[in-house]
Each structure stands twice: as structure tokens, then as C-alpha cells.
Protein backbone atom coordinates (compact mmCIF):
# COMPACT_ATOMS: atom_id res chain seq x y z
CA MET A 1 25.06 35.38 10.74
CA LYS A 2 23.23 34.71 7.47
CA LYS A 3 25.29 31.55 6.96
CA LEU A 4 24.37 30.37 10.46
CA LEU A 5 20.66 31.01 9.79
CA LEU A 6 20.91 29.09 6.51
CA ILE A 7 22.51 26.12 8.28
CA ILE A 8 19.80 26.19 10.98
CA SER A 9 17.07 26.37 8.32
CA ILE A 10 18.56 23.45 6.39
CA PHE A 11 18.82 21.42 9.62
CA LEU A 12 15.17 22.09 10.49
CA ILE A 13 14.04 21.15 6.99
CA SER A 14 16.12 17.96 7.15
CA GLN A 15 14.17 16.91 10.23
CA THR A 16 10.96 17.06 8.18
CA TYR A 17 11.92 15.19 5.02
CA ILE A 18 13.53 11.76 5.20
CA ARG A 19 14.47 10.07 1.94
CA ALA A 20 12.73 6.87 0.84
CA GLN A 21 14.82 4.47 -1.23
CA GLY A 22 12.48 4.06 -4.20
CA SER A 23 9.37 5.25 -5.99
CA TRP A 24 6.06 3.99 -7.38
CA SER A 25 5.11 3.88 -11.06
CA LEU A 26 1.73 3.28 -12.65
CA PHE A 27 0.47 0.81 -15.22
CA GLN A 28 -2.97 -0.37 -16.27
CA THR A 29 -4.37 -3.87 -15.78
CA PRO A 30 -6.75 -5.63 -18.21
CA VAL A 31 -9.76 -4.31 -16.23
CA GLN A 32 -11.30 -0.98 -15.22
CA ASP A 33 -12.88 -2.18 -11.96
CA ASP A 34 -11.87 -1.07 -8.47
CA LEU A 35 -9.20 -3.43 -7.11
CA ARG A 36 -9.42 -4.18 -3.38
CA LYS A 37 -6.73 -6.64 -2.26
CA ILE A 38 -3.42 -8.05 -3.46
CA PHE A 39 -1.71 -11.16 -2.13
CA PHE A 40 1.71 -12.56 -3.05
CA VAL A 41 2.37 -16.08 -1.79
CA ASP A 42 6.04 -15.72 -2.81
CA SER A 43 8.10 -13.32 -4.90
CA THR A 44 6.75 -14.75 -8.18
CA TYR A 45 3.09 -15.75 -7.76
CA GLY A 46 0.44 -13.22 -6.77
CA TRP A 47 -3.30 -12.54 -7.04
CA ILE A 48 -5.54 -9.46 -7.02
CA ALA A 49 -9.25 -9.39 -6.10
CA GLY A 50 -11.72 -6.60 -6.68
CA ASP A 51 -15.18 -5.45 -7.67
CA SER A 52 -17.29 -7.22 -10.30
CA GLY A 53 -15.89 -10.58 -9.24
CA VAL A 54 -12.47 -9.76 -10.66
CA ILE A 55 -9.48 -11.98 -9.86
CA LEU A 56 -6.13 -11.34 -11.56
CA LYS A 57 -3.01 -13.51 -11.37
CA THR A 58 0.70 -13.08 -12.07
CA THR A 59 3.33 -15.80 -12.38
CA ASN A 60 6.25 -13.50 -13.17
CA SER A 61 6.51 -11.13 -10.20
CA GLY A 62 3.84 -8.76 -11.46
CA LEU A 63 5.26 -8.04 -14.90
CA ASN A 64 2.04 -9.39 -16.44
CA TRP A 65 -1.43 -9.97 -14.98
CA SER A 66 -4.06 -12.29 -16.45
CA LEU A 67 -7.80 -12.25 -15.73
CA GLN A 68 -8.88 -15.47 -13.99
CA ASN A 69 -12.41 -14.65 -12.89
CA ARG A 70 -15.13 -12.09 -13.54
CA ASN A 71 -18.75 -12.01 -12.40
CA THR A 72 -20.50 -8.71 -11.84
CA SER A 73 -22.79 -10.22 -9.20
CA TYR A 74 -19.92 -10.48 -6.69
CA TYR A 75 -17.66 -7.98 -4.94
CA PHE A 76 -14.47 -9.44 -3.50
CA ASN A 77 -13.27 -8.24 -0.11
CA ASP A 78 -10.21 -10.42 0.46
CA ILE A 79 -8.01 -13.13 -1.04
CA PHE A 80 -5.48 -15.47 0.60
CA PHE A 81 -3.21 -18.30 -0.60
CA VAL A 82 -1.21 -20.82 1.43
CA ASP A 83 0.84 -21.96 -1.57
CA ARG A 84 0.83 -21.59 -5.35
CA ASN A 85 -2.22 -23.82 -5.73
CA ILE A 86 -4.52 -23.53 -2.72
CA GLY A 87 -6.30 -20.29 -1.94
CA TRP A 88 -9.56 -18.69 -0.80
CA ALA A 89 -11.41 -15.47 -1.54
CA LEU A 90 -14.32 -13.72 0.16
CA ALA A 91 -17.09 -12.08 -1.86
CA TRP A 92 -20.38 -10.36 -1.06
CA ARG A 93 -23.42 -10.64 -3.25
CA TYR A 94 -26.59 -8.54 -3.21
CA ASN A 95 -29.71 -9.35 -5.20
CA PHE A 96 -33.30 -10.33 -4.56
CA ASN A 97 -32.64 -14.05 -5.02
CA GLN A 98 -29.39 -14.50 -3.14
CA PHE A 99 -27.28 -12.37 -0.82
CA GLY A 100 -24.63 -12.91 1.83
CA THR A 101 -21.00 -14.07 1.92
CA PHE A 102 -19.61 -16.43 -0.69
CA PHE A 103 -16.43 -18.40 -0.06
CA PHE A 104 -14.43 -19.08 -3.21
CA LYS A 105 -11.75 -21.79 -3.18
CA THR A 106 -9.18 -23.00 -5.69
CA THR A 107 -6.81 -25.97 -5.59
CA ASN A 108 -5.10 -25.30 -8.92
CA GLY A 109 -3.78 -21.77 -8.56
CA GLY A 110 -7.01 -20.06 -9.58
CA LEU A 111 -7.57 -21.89 -12.85
CA ASN A 112 -10.87 -23.05 -11.39
CA TRP A 113 -12.83 -21.66 -8.46
CA THR A 114 -15.71 -23.23 -6.54
CA SER A 115 -18.08 -20.99 -4.58
CA THR A 116 -20.19 -21.70 -1.50
CA LEU A 117 -22.76 -19.42 0.11
CA TYR A 118 -22.27 -19.19 3.87
CA PRO A 119 -25.41 -20.72 5.47
CA ASP A 120 -26.18 -17.71 7.66
CA THR A 121 -26.88 -14.90 5.22
CA MET A 122 -26.66 -12.33 8.02
CA VAL A 123 -22.93 -13.02 8.37
CA PHE A 124 -20.85 -10.72 6.13
CA ALA A 125 -17.20 -11.77 6.20
CA GLN A 126 -14.62 -9.20 5.09
CA THR A 127 -11.17 -10.63 5.96
CA ILE A 128 -9.67 -14.12 5.82
CA PHE A 129 -6.43 -15.71 7.03
CA PHE A 130 -5.18 -19.30 6.80
CA LEU A 131 -2.36 -20.85 8.81
CA ASN A 132 -2.19 -23.91 6.56
CA GLN A 133 -4.37 -25.89 4.16
CA ASN A 134 -6.86 -26.80 6.89
CA THR A 135 -6.84 -24.13 9.62
CA GLY A 136 -8.17 -20.69 8.86
CA TYR A 137 -10.08 -17.70 10.24
CA PHE A 138 -12.39 -15.01 8.99
CA GLY A 139 -13.61 -11.76 10.54
CA THR A 140 -16.96 -10.13 9.91
CA ALA A 141 -18.29 -6.68 9.17
CA SER A 142 -21.66 -7.74 10.50
CA SER A 143 -22.80 -10.83 12.39
CA PRO A 144 -25.66 -11.58 14.79
CA PHE A 145 -23.39 -13.86 16.85
CA ARG A 146 -19.59 -13.65 16.90
CA THR A 147 -17.17 -11.68 14.77
CA ILE A 148 -14.25 -14.13 14.37
CA TYR A 149 -14.78 -17.64 13.00
CA LYS A 150 -12.48 -20.65 12.65
CA THR A 151 -12.24 -23.71 10.41
CA THR A 152 -10.11 -26.83 10.84
CA ASN A 153 -11.26 -28.60 7.67
CA ALA A 154 -10.20 -26.18 4.92
CA GLY A 155 -13.36 -24.07 5.07
CA VAL A 156 -15.95 -26.83 4.82
CA ASN A 157 -17.28 -25.89 8.27
CA TRP A 158 -16.81 -22.76 10.36
CA SER A 159 -17.44 -22.22 14.07
CA PRO A 160 -17.47 -18.90 15.97
CA GLY A 161 -14.65 -18.24 18.39
CA ASN A 162 -15.40 -17.52 22.02
CA ILE A 163 -15.01 -13.78 22.50
CA ASP A 164 -15.20 -11.96 25.82
CA SER A 165 -18.34 -9.92 26.41
CA GLY A 166 -16.83 -6.41 26.37
CA PHE A 167 -18.77 -3.59 24.75
CA VAL A 168 -16.47 -3.60 21.67
CA SER A 169 -16.17 -7.38 21.29
CA ASN A 170 -18.66 -7.53 18.39
CA PHE A 171 -17.34 -4.51 16.50
CA PRO A 172 -16.36 -5.11 12.83
CA VAL A 173 -13.11 -7.01 12.23
CA ARG A 174 -10.98 -5.64 9.37
CA ASP A 175 -7.83 -7.79 9.42
CA ILE A 176 -6.37 -10.91 11.09
CA PHE A 177 -2.77 -12.05 11.40
CA PHE A 178 -1.29 -15.08 13.17
CA LEU A 179 2.32 -15.20 14.32
CA ASN A 180 2.19 -18.97 14.90
CA ALA A 181 -0.36 -21.71 15.48
CA ASN A 182 -1.46 -20.26 18.84
CA THR A 183 -0.80 -16.50 18.78
CA GLY A 184 -2.95 -14.22 16.67
CA VAL A 185 -4.22 -10.64 16.56
CA ALA A 186 -7.25 -9.11 14.86
CA VAL A 187 -8.03 -5.40 14.43
CA GLY A 188 -11.04 -3.29 13.47
CA GLY A 189 -13.53 -0.89 15.02
CA PHE A 190 -15.98 1.88 14.12
CA ILE A 191 -15.18 5.39 12.86
CA ASP A 192 -15.57 8.02 15.62
CA ILE A 193 -16.17 5.33 18.26
CA ALA A 194 -13.13 3.10 18.83
CA ALA A 195 -10.18 1.21 17.44
CA VAL A 196 -10.48 -2.39 18.61
CA ALA A 197 -7.91 -5.17 18.91
CA TRP A 198 -8.58 -8.83 19.67
CA TYR A 199 -5.89 -11.33 20.64
CA THR A 200 -5.73 -15.08 21.16
CA THR A 201 -3.11 -17.36 22.70
CA ASN A 202 -4.89 -20.67 22.11
CA ALA A 203 -5.24 -20.89 18.32
CA GLY A 204 -8.33 -18.72 18.05
CA ASN A 205 -10.56 -20.76 20.31
CA ASN A 206 -10.83 -17.80 22.70
CA TRP A 207 -10.34 -14.09 21.99
CA ILE A 208 -9.93 -11.10 24.30
CA SER A 209 -11.01 -7.70 22.94
CA ALA A 210 -10.25 -4.15 24.02
CA PRO A 211 -10.67 -0.58 22.74
CA ILE A 212 -7.15 0.74 22.11
CA GLY A 213 -7.75 4.09 20.40
CA SER A 214 -10.23 6.48 18.87
CA GLU A 215 -10.39 5.42 15.21
CA PRO A 216 -10.64 2.01 13.50
CA LEU A 217 -7.65 -0.05 12.39
CA PHE A 218 -7.68 -1.71 8.97
CA CYS A 219 -4.48 -3.73 8.70
CA VAL A 220 -2.20 -5.65 11.08
CA ARG A 221 1.23 -7.20 10.49
CA TYR A 222 4.06 -8.68 12.55
CA ILE A 223 7.23 -6.66 11.92
CA ASN A 224 10.39 -6.07 13.94
CA ASN A 225 9.28 -8.45 16.71
CA LYS A 226 5.96 -6.71 17.32
CA PHE A 227 2.44 -6.53 15.96
CA ILE A 228 1.80 -3.25 14.13
CA ALA A 229 -1.61 -1.97 13.02
CA MET A 230 -2.67 1.10 11.04
CA GLY A 231 -5.97 2.82 10.24
CA GLY A 232 -7.61 6.21 10.67
CA ASP A 233 -10.67 8.20 9.65
CA PHE A 234 -11.80 11.13 7.48
CA GLU A 235 -11.36 13.78 10.17
CA TYR A 236 -8.23 12.93 12.17
CA GLY A 237 -6.15 11.22 9.50
CA LEU A 238 -3.90 8.19 9.82
CA SER A 239 -3.43 6.23 13.02
CA TYR A 240 -0.75 3.79 14.15
CA ALA A 241 -0.66 1.20 16.95
CA GLU A 242 1.89 -1.37 18.09
CA THR A 243 2.22 -4.07 20.74
CA SER A 244 5.30 -5.96 21.86
CA ASN A 245 3.40 -8.48 24.04
CA SER A 246 1.14 -10.07 21.39
CA GLY A 247 -1.82 -7.77 21.87
CA VAL A 248 -2.12 -7.51 25.64
CA ASN A 249 -1.07 -3.83 25.68
CA TRP A 250 -0.99 -1.38 22.79
CA ASN A 251 0.59 2.01 22.10
CA TYR A 252 -1.75 4.02 19.86
CA LYS A 253 -1.11 7.39 18.19
CA ASN A 254 -2.62 9.64 15.55
CA ILE A 255 -0.44 10.58 12.60
CA ASP A 256 -1.09 14.10 11.35
CA ILE A 257 -1.49 13.03 7.71
CA PHE A 258 -4.80 13.31 5.86
CA GLY A 259 -6.35 10.00 4.85
CA MET A 260 -6.92 6.49 6.21
CA ALA A 261 -4.22 3.81 6.20
CA LEU A 262 -6.18 1.00 4.57
CA SER A 263 -3.08 -1.18 4.44
CA PHE A 264 0.67 -1.11 4.98
CA ASP A 265 3.74 -3.29 4.59
CA PHE A 266 7.47 -2.98 5.25
CA ARG A 267 10.09 -3.40 2.55
CA ASN A 268 12.79 -3.95 5.17
CA VAL A 269 13.13 -3.37 8.91
CA ASN A 270 13.14 0.42 8.48
CA GLU A 271 11.26 1.34 5.32
CA GLY A 272 7.50 0.85 5.28
CA TRP A 273 4.68 2.12 3.08
CA ALA A 274 0.96 2.64 3.70
CA SER A 275 -1.92 3.12 1.26
CA SER A 276 -4.06 6.11 2.14
CA GLY A 277 -7.21 5.50 0.14
CA PHE A 278 -9.33 8.53 -0.75
CA SER A 279 -6.53 11.02 0.00
CA GLN A 280 -4.71 9.76 -3.14
CA LYS A 281 -1.42 9.51 -1.31
CA LEU A 282 1.12 6.93 -0.27
CA VAL A 283 2.72 7.35 3.13
CA TYR A 284 6.17 6.07 4.08
CA THR A 285 8.52 5.67 7.01
CA THR A 286 12.28 5.17 7.01
CA ASP A 287 12.72 4.77 10.75
CA ALA A 288 10.58 1.69 11.47
CA GLY A 289 7.34 3.61 12.00
CA VAL A 290 8.50 6.44 14.26
CA ARG A 291 7.78 9.12 11.63
CA TRP A 292 5.63 8.99 8.49
CA PHE A 293 5.66 11.22 5.39
CA PRO A 294 3.13 11.54 2.53
CA VAL A 295 3.80 11.54 -1.20
CA ASP A 296 1.23 11.95 -3.99
CA SER A 297 0.21 8.69 -5.63
CA PRO A 298 0.87 8.43 -9.39
CA ASP A 299 -2.01 9.72 -11.51
CA SER A 300 -3.85 10.73 -8.29
CA SER A 301 -4.75 7.07 -7.78
CA THR A 302 -6.94 5.93 -4.88
CA VAL A 303 -4.71 3.25 -3.33
CA ASN A 304 -6.58 0.48 -1.51
CA TRP A 305 -4.01 -2.17 -0.60
CA LEU A 306 -0.30 -2.85 -1.00
CA GLN A 307 2.20 -5.64 -0.36
CA PHE A 308 5.92 -6.27 -0.75
CA ALA A 309 6.69 -9.71 -2.13
CA ASN A 310 10.31 -9.16 -1.10
CA GLU A 311 12.65 -6.23 -0.49
CA ASN A 312 12.67 -5.21 -4.15
CA ILE A 313 9.20 -6.18 -5.37
CA GLY A 314 6.16 -4.25 -4.19
CA TYR A 315 2.71 -3.60 -5.68
CA ALA A 316 -0.33 -1.55 -4.73
CA VAL A 317 -3.85 -1.90 -6.12
CA CYS A 318 -6.17 1.02 -6.76
CA ASN A 319 -9.56 2.02 -8.07
CA LYS A 320 -10.26 1.94 -11.83
CA GLY A 321 -8.06 -1.10 -12.45
CA LYS A 322 -4.77 0.65 -11.69
CA ILE A 323 -1.70 -1.03 -10.20
CA LEU A 324 1.33 0.75 -8.78
CA LYS A 325 4.75 -0.89 -8.87
CA TYR A 326 7.55 -0.07 -6.44
CA SER A 327 11.00 0.35 -7.92
CA THR A 328 14.42 0.82 -6.34
CA SER A 329 16.21 1.03 -9.69
CA THR A 330 17.81 4.18 -11.02
CA GLY A 331 16.85 5.72 -14.32
CA ILE A 332 13.58 6.82 -15.80
CA ILE A 333 10.05 5.88 -14.78
CA LYS A 334 7.02 6.85 -16.87
CA PHE A 335 3.45 7.44 -15.68
CA GLU A 336 1.74 5.62 -18.54
CA ASN A 337 -1.69 7.28 -18.45
CA GLU A 338 -0.88 10.96 -17.94
CA ILE A 339 -1.65 13.24 -20.89
CA THR A 340 -0.46 16.84 -20.92
CA ASP A 341 -0.49 19.72 -23.39
CA ASN A 342 2.33 21.59 -21.65
CA PHE A 343 5.95 21.05 -20.71
CA VAL A 344 5.92 21.07 -16.89
CA LEU A 345 8.73 20.58 -14.37
CA HIS A 346 7.42 19.27 -11.06
CA PRO A 347 9.25 19.83 -7.73
CA ASN A 348 11.86 17.19 -6.95
CA PHE A 349 11.17 14.85 -4.02
CA PRO A 350 12.48 14.63 -1.40
CA ASN A 351 13.95 18.08 -0.99
CA PRO A 352 16.27 18.48 0.90
CA PHE A 353 17.75 15.07 0.08
CA ASN A 354 20.70 12.83 0.80
CA SER A 355 22.41 10.93 -2.04
CA SER A 356 19.37 10.69 -4.36
CA THR A 357 16.20 12.53 -5.34
CA LEU A 358 13.41 12.16 -7.92
CA ILE A 359 12.94 14.77 -10.64
CA SER A 360 9.56 14.66 -12.35
CA TYR A 361 8.53 16.37 -15.60
CA SER A 362 5.65 16.18 -18.08
CA ILE A 363 6.11 16.63 -21.84
CA PRO A 364 3.38 17.30 -24.45
CA SER A 365 5.04 15.17 -27.15
CA GLY A 366 8.07 13.05 -27.83
CA GLY A 367 11.54 14.52 -28.06
CA ASP A 368 15.01 14.58 -26.60
CA ILE A 369 15.37 15.56 -22.94
CA LYS A 370 18.50 17.03 -21.37
CA ILE A 371 18.84 17.24 -17.58
CA GLU A 372 21.64 19.39 -16.17
CA ILE A 373 22.75 19.64 -12.54
CA ILE A 374 24.30 23.04 -11.80
CA ASP A 375 25.99 24.28 -8.64
CA ILE A 376 25.47 27.71 -7.11
CA THR A 377 28.40 29.17 -9.12
CA GLY A 378 26.79 28.13 -12.42
CA ARG A 379 29.14 25.20 -13.05
CA ASN A 380 27.58 22.17 -14.76
CA ILE A 381 28.42 19.11 -12.68
CA LYS A 382 26.28 16.46 -14.38
CA THR A 383 24.28 16.03 -17.59
CA ILE A 384 21.79 13.29 -18.47
CA SER A 385 20.24 12.82 -21.92
CA ARG A 386 17.10 10.86 -22.75
CA GLN A 387 15.24 10.05 -25.96
CA LEU A 388 11.51 9.92 -25.25
CA GLU A 389 9.08 8.80 -27.95
CA GLU A 390 5.75 10.02 -26.58
CA GLN A 391 3.99 12.50 -24.32
CA GLY A 392 3.52 11.76 -20.63
CA ARG A 393 4.93 12.29 -17.17
CA TYR A 394 8.35 10.89 -16.31
CA TYR A 395 10.44 10.41 -13.17
CA GLU A 396 14.25 10.51 -13.16
CA LYS A 397 16.06 9.20 -10.10
CA LEU A 398 19.28 11.16 -9.59
CA GLU A 399 22.16 9.60 -7.67
CA LEU A 400 24.41 12.44 -6.47
CA ASN A 401 26.74 10.91 -3.90
CA GLU A 402 29.77 12.68 -5.36
CA ILE A 403 28.68 16.25 -4.60
CA THR A 404 29.11 18.27 -1.40
CA SER A 405 26.32 19.69 0.76
CA GLY A 406 24.73 22.85 -0.55
CA ILE A 407 22.19 24.42 -2.91
CA TYR A 408 21.97 23.12 -6.48
CA PHE A 409 19.81 23.74 -9.51
CA TYR A 410 18.41 21.24 -11.99
CA ARG A 411 17.51 22.36 -15.50
CA VAL A 412 15.37 20.18 -17.75
CA THR A 413 15.36 21.05 -21.46
CA LEU A 414 13.02 19.61 -24.09
CA LEU A 415 14.93 19.43 -27.38
CA ARG A 416 13.85 19.07 -31.00
CA GLY A 417 16.79 18.21 -33.17
CA SER A 418 19.65 20.47 -32.08
CA SER A 419 17.50 23.42 -30.94
CA ASP A 420 16.56 24.18 -27.34
CA MET A 421 12.77 24.41 -27.49
CA SER A 422 12.03 24.98 -23.83
CA SER A 423 13.78 24.81 -20.46
CA ARG A 424 12.56 24.67 -16.87
CA THR A 425 14.71 25.09 -13.73
CA GLY A 426 14.24 23.99 -10.13
CA LYS A 427 16.21 24.39 -6.91
CA MET A 428 17.22 21.62 -4.51
CA ILE A 429 19.23 21.24 -1.31
CA PHE A 430 21.72 18.39 -0.82
CA LEU A 431 22.62 17.34 2.72
CA LYS A 432 25.34 14.85 3.55
């Protein structure tokens, strides 16, 4: 009877935790400012925009980031590139002499930027999307006229789109995405009032709006043959919406996870990740958005936006100049900025798990680390040794395909020379 209850308990737990394929590690950029958006035009070239007029660029898949622009009078909201040379960024500026939306443009990959103040200073644009070098769109947080604008001459001139006169038609627009030259969707809304979606079938000349849920949506993508949007609020947590007919009808649901999904992206057709802002968590799915699970962000980072450049390269930008990097590789990952005075073993994640799990530990100083995997009879089935030169928090991804289902223990020992200085032990459940 006890064995049956154990099997039932393990089955119920396995329905709660689904294993993600990789993890996120932290490193510091050359700045300390809050970073708002990241955009990869391909798997090699990417840009980051943030507060204090910060623009960062990488030309080697995120291994290094260089500072291209900085001006404390501006606060960037969005950045978008159509190729490695041509891109735009949106910035707001507030002072007594000049305020409103500034459009920044580069034609040489960000080496030089030109800025133009939008003529109507009551228009505050917060998201931008370009189909090609000439045709683009922006959505506003505040506008006395329309909320979605279009250009056909590379941003020299903008004209408002015709939007139906529904009561939510002029709500703030947070993100825009076009599937092709004619079909596009925009999302936004107000907290505690409505989630709003707009759609167009004639290249953004006309838009139809509708309230589709209770809380605003912040990001929209086209994945698995459907538009998907995510958002949320402080009280009800994350929200998720999808449409399979290009925005005409939506299925909207609340996800019982604290935070707001400021952005999301999918690594492949099944595994997707969302940034959860102030909750200091990342949220993931492994079944194409049916279920979502939270995990603490490294260093308790406030994650604002994320993007996968391809299936193996993903980055997220955070407050205080932090960047998170997604990794599918095995082996050790270090949280660069964590300082600890104690040797701490953190719970492995996920647990229960299938084939692999992440063991995390913090050490107060450098030394040799020994990780032992022990079965319920006390037999050592695997040992891993590491030489670590400095204090910090580390992740070890364990691949355990060769073992059978059951309860196992992991013991992490911090060594100095040949003496066991300190050991910590945790328990985990493996399910095949």
C-alpha cells in the first residue's frame, strides 16, 4: 500500500514539474542602466536599448557587447533592425525645452545614429515594427488621434491608420507583429480594464480592435501557425492569448503565476520562455504554451525582454545593466555577481526530473568541489569533480539517462587539499 501511495505521489508531482532543456546564466554589460529591449536580426548580430540613451551591440552572438550610444536625456522604449545595417529605435525625452518621441535611425549598423523629433509632441510611441527598409509601423502609449501609425518612406513621414471607433480602439499599443505584407496584429490595453487586440488584413491601412481579456498584453509573436500574446498585471499574474485566424477571434486565459509577462519567445515549437518583470522570475513552457512554470531569475534579476536568435542562442535583458544568457550545454554555469560567506546547497530544479536536472550551490571561496550521486541503498553511482578558483554561485547540469526511476541523493563537498571541509546533501526523484 505504501509503495502504491508513493507511486501515486510521484505521478502527481510529475504532472506539476516539466523539465526545460536549458538554463539561464548571468553576466554584466558595460553599463549599469536598466535595459529595456533586445533585438537580434540574425544569430550573430544583435542590439540592446535601454535607459539613459543606451544602445549596445554584439557581432559575435552575444559573447561581447559594445556601447554604441549613450545620452542621459533619452529613454529608449524599442529597437528594430531589418538587416545588419538598417535599424530604428524609439526614445522619449522629457525636459523643459524639448519633450516627445524621438526616432533614431542608422544605416551603418549603429555606428552612427540620426535622431528626429516627431512633430506632434503629444504622440508618445512605445513600439516599432518594420516589414522592410521602407514600410514600418509604430504604436503609441498616448496619442490625441490614432494609436497605430504607418510609414512607406523609411520613417520620413508617418500617417495614422484608420481604426474602428470601438471604446478600446485608442487604448495603448504595446507590441506589433506582421505575418506578411498584409496581415498584422497589435496588442495592448490598460491594467484592470481590458486586454486589447487590433488586426489588419490590408497592410495596416485599416485596423479592427476588440477587448479580448481582463489585463493588458505586452508582447505578440507568430508561433506554431498562430498569433500568441502574453501580458498580465500585479494582482492576477500572467495572462496568455492566442488566435488561429489572424486576430478575428482570441482564446484568453489567466496563468496562476505571479508577475507580468513583459515579453516571450519560443526556442522551438514546444519550449518557450517569458520574462516576468518585477516578480524576478522567468516562466517556461515545454508543451507549446499549454502549461507554464516559474523559475527564479539569476541574481534575482528584473527581466524586461528576451529573444532567441536561434534554437541554441537566447538572451534576456534586465534592470541594472544585467544580461541573461540561455544555455543548453552540459557542465558548470557560474552566476558572476553573487557573493556569499557560506557554503550553501540549493534545491535542484526540476525535481522530480527526467534525464537531467540542475544542481546549484554557493561557495564562500575557491576550492575543489566533489559532487556524488547516491542511490537509496547508499551506492555511489556517479562522481563529478570541479576546480573552482573563486567564490560565487554555480549551476551543474546533471545528465542521468543511465539510471532507473526512483529516489536519489546528491552530495556536494567543498574540499581543501585532500580534506573534506564541508558537505551538503539533497534528495531528488528521477522519473523515466
